[in-house]
Amino acid sequence: MSHSRKTQGFSTECPPSPAEHDRTPIQF
């Protein structure tokens, strides 16, 4: 779980909502 990577590629990997990605595990 790299926060730096999530911050850079949040548009592709993590959902647009910070609260959503916080409650949703980044396994995709």
Protein backbone atom coordinates (compact mmCIF):
# COMPACT_ATOMS: atom_id res chain seq x y z
CA MET A 1 0.00 0.00 0.00
CA SER A 2 1.93 3.01 -1.27
CA HIS A 3 0.25 6.31 -0.48
CA SER A 4 2.55 8.08 -2.93
CA ARG A 5 1.45 5.80 -5.74
CA LYS A 6 -2.20 6.17 -4.79
CA THR A 7 -1.87 9.95 -4.83
CA GLN A 8 -0.30 9.92 -8.28
CA GLY A 9 -2.49 7.28 -9.89
CA PHE A 10 -5.65 7.77 -7.89
CA SER A 11 -7.55 8.66 -11.06
CA THR A 12 -6.76 5.25 -12.54
CA GLU A 13 -6.65 2.98 -9.51
CA CYS A 14 -8.45 4.64 -6.63
CA PRO A 15 -11.96 6.10 -6.86
CA PRO A 16 -12.41 9.89 -7.18
CA SER A 17 -13.70 10.21 -3.63
CA PRO A 18 -11.03 10.16 -0.89
CA ALA A 19 -13.57 8.90 1.64
CA GLU A 20 -14.52 6.10 -0.72
CA HIS A 21 -10.96 4.88 -1.23
CA ASP A 22 -10.43 5.17 2.53
CA ARG A 23 -13.23 2.72 3.28
CA THR A 24 -12.63 0.63 0.17
CA PRO A 25 -9.55 -1.64 0.08
CA ILE A 26 -7.21 -0.94 -2.84
CA GLN A 27 -6.98 -4.47 -4.21
CA PHE A 28 -7.84 -3.66 -7.81
